[in-house]
C-alpha atoms as a PDB file:
ATOM      1  CA  MET A   1    -115.257  63.351  95.642  1.00  0.00           C
ATOM      2  CA  GLY A   2    -118.140  64.369  93.421  1.00  0.00           C
ATOM      3  CA  LEU A   3    -119.239  66.673  90.668  1.00  0.00           C
ATOM      4  CA  HIS A   4    -121.989  69.226  90.585  1.00  0.00           C
ATOM      5  CA  ALA A   5    -122.796  70.763  87.220  1.00  0.00           C
ATOM      6  CA  ALA A   6    -124.927  73.848  86.685  1.00  0.00           C
ATOM      7  CA  VAL A   7    -125.982  75.376  83.398  1.00  0.00           C
ATOM      8  CA  GLU A   8    -125.986  79.135  83.665  1.00  0.00           C
ATOM      9  CA  MET A   9    -127.149  81.660  81.125  1.00  0.00           C
ATOM     10  CA  VAL A  10    -126.330  85.280  80.421  1.00  0.00           C
ATOM     11  CA  GLY A  11    -129.753  86.126  81.874  1.00  0.00           C
ATOM     12  CA  GLY A  12    -128.205  85.706  85.306  1.00  0.00           C
ATOM     13  CA  VAL A  13    -125.765  88.517  84.608  1.00  0.00           C
ATOM     14  CA  VAL A  14    -127.591  90.900  82.271  1.00  0.00           C
ATOM     15  CA  GLY A  15    -131.294  91.683  82.567  1.00  0.00           C
ATOM     16  CA  HIS A  16    -133.607  91.329  79.570  1.00  0.00           C
ATOM     17  CA  PRO A  17    -136.873  93.178  78.871  1.00  0.00           C
ATOM     18  CA  PHE A  18    -140.002  91.256  79.900  1.00  0.00           C
ATOM     19  CA  ALA A  19    -137.885  88.509  81.498  1.00  0.00           C
ATOM     20  CA  GLY A  20    -137.483  89.612  85.100  1.00  0.00           C
ATOM     21  CA  ALA A  21    -138.504  86.307  86.679  1.00  0.00           C
ATOM     22  CA  TYR A  22    -136.334  84.346  84.242  1.00  0.00           C
ATOM     23  CA  CYS A  23    -133.278  86.499  84.958  1.00  0.00           C
ATOM     24  CA  ASP A  24    -133.943  86.287  88.707  1.00  0.00           C
ATOM     25  CA  ALA A  25    -133.967  82.500  88.528  1.00  0.00           C
ATOM     26  CA  LYS A  26    -130.791  82.380  86.453  1.00  0.00           C
ATOM     27  CA  PHE A  27    -128.945  84.612  88.907  1.00  0.00           C
ATOM     28  CA  ALA A  28    -130.201  82.399  91.745  1.00  0.00           C
ATOM     29  CA  VAL A  29    -128.333  79.464  90.173  1.00  0.00           C
ATOM     30  CA  GLU A  30    -125.142  81.537  89.965  1.00  0.00           C
ATOM     31  CA  GLY A  31    -125.509  82.865  93.514  1.00  0.00           C
ATOM     32  CA  PHE A  32    -126.247  79.411  94.896  1.00  0.00           C
ATOM     33  CA  MET A  33    -123.165  77.921  93.241  1.00  0.00           C
ATOM     34  CA  GLN A  34    -120.989  80.732  94.599  1.00  0.00           C
ATOM     35  CA  SER A  35    -122.369  80.199  98.110  1.00  0.00           C
ATOM     36  CA  VAL A  36    -121.983  76.426  98.032  1.00  0.00           C
ATOM     37  CA  SER A  37    -118.432  76.688  96.735  1.00  0.00           C
ATOM     38  CA  THR A  38    -117.359  78.534  99.888  1.00  0.00           C
ATOM     39  CA  VAL A  39    -118.758  76.008 102.378  1.00  0.00           C
ATOM     40  CA  ALA A  40    -118.859  72.637 100.599  1.00  0.00           C
ATOM     41  CA  SER A  41    -115.387  71.485 101.685  1.00  0.00           C
ATOM     42  CA  GLU A  42    -111.859  72.754 102.035  1.00  0.00           C
ATOM     43  CA  ASP A  43    -110.757  71.183  98.771  1.00  0.00           C
ATOM     44  CA  PHE A  44    -113.867  72.106  96.760  1.00  0.00           C
ATOM     45  CA  VAL A  45    -112.804  73.764  93.522  1.00  0.00           C
ATOM     46  CA  VAL A  46    -115.102  75.721  91.229  1.00  0.00           C
ATOM     47  CA  ARG A  47    -114.175  75.422  87.571  1.00  0.00           C
ATOM     48  CA  ARG A  48    -115.998  76.887  84.627  1.00  0.00           C
ATOM     49  CA  GLN A  49    -115.817  74.947  81.433  1.00  0.00           C
ATOM     50  CA  LYS A  50    -116.833  76.364  78.104  1.00  0.00           C
ATOM     51  CA  SER A  51    -117.210  74.208  75.046  1.00  0.00           C
ATOM     52  CA  ASP A  52    -117.185  75.107  71.361  1.00  0.00           C
ATOM     53  CA  ALA A  53    -120.969  74.674  71.355  1.00  0.00           C
ATOM     54  CA  VAL A  54    -121.261  77.317  74.075  1.00  0.00           C
ATOM     55  CA  ARG A  55    -119.053  79.732  72.155  1.00  0.00           C
ATOM     56  CA  ARG A  56    -121.150  79.263  69.003  1.00  0.00           C
ATOM     57  CA  PHE A  57    -124.380  79.801  70.944  1.00  0.00           C
ATOM     58  CA  VAL A  58    -123.131  82.981  72.601  1.00  0.00           C
ATOM     59  CA  THR A  59    -122.246  84.529  69.253  1.00  0.00           C
ATOM     60  CA  THR A  60    -125.647  83.697  67.711  1.00  0.00           C
ATOM     61  CA  PRO A  61    -127.757  86.879  67.527  1.00  0.00           C
ATOM     62  CA  LEU A  62    -131.153  86.919  69.184  1.00  0.00           C
ATOM     63  CA  ALA A  63    -134.165  87.077  66.894  1.00  0.00           C
ATOM     64  CA  ASP A  64    -135.982  89.873  68.752  1.00  0.00           C
ATOM     65  CA  LEU A  65    -133.345  92.361  69.913  1.00  0.00           C
ATOM     66  CA  ASP A  66    -135.618  95.391  69.648  1.00  0.00           C
ATOM     67  CA  GLY A  67    -138.616  93.698  71.298  1.00  0.00           C
ATOM     68  CA  SER A  68    -140.864  94.185  68.262  1.00  0.00           C
ATOM     69  CA  ARG A  69    -142.259  90.631  68.353  1.00  0.00           C
ATOM     70  CA  VAL A  70    -143.202  90.964  72.014  1.00  0.00           C
ATOM     71  CA  TRP A  71    -144.621  94.462  71.453  1.00  0.00           C
ATOM     72  CA  SER A  72    -146.787  93.273  68.548  1.00  0.00           C
ATOM     73  CA  VAL A  73    -148.540  90.885  70.947  1.00  0.00           C
ATOM     74  CA  THR A  74    -148.651  92.981  74.126  1.00  0.00           C
ATOM     75  CA  LYS A  75    -149.476  96.452  72.769  1.00  0.00           C
ATOM     76  CA  GLN A  76    -153.153  95.524  72.520  1.00  0.00           C
ATOM     77  CA  TRP A  77    -153.189  94.967  76.291  1.00  0.00           C
ATOM     78  CA  ILE A  78    -152.610  98.665  76.977  1.00  0.00           C
ATOM     79  CA  GLN A  79    -154.962 100.182  74.383  1.00  0.00           C
ATOM     80  CA  PRO A  80    -158.011 101.996  75.833  1.00  0.00           C
ATOM     81  CA  ASP A  81    -161.356 100.246  75.261  1.00  0.00           C
ATOM     82  CA  GLY A  82    -162.669 100.720  71.756  1.00  0.00           C
ATOM     83  CA  GLU A  83    -159.331 101.703  70.211  1.00  0.00           C
ATOM     84  CA  THR A  84    -157.371  99.433  67.951  1.00  0.00           C
ATOM     85  CA  ALA A  85    -153.643  99.175  67.767  1.00  0.00           C
END
């Protein structure tokens, strides 16, 4: 008998702008755990445990919901030569 713990994030379920690789990796953890749970053993049980800390984190708003902080850095990358943002 053993225990395997995986920390999964919402990025594995819902995509985020400018975070494709991150979300891909997070879904890979979820997909891997689902796959392993079907072949690990006959009595292997998958349980999801959520703590109060997780609930508090999930309800904390993100600082850059509209992407303005990312845009302020990356917009200069797409400006034609000689133009300023």
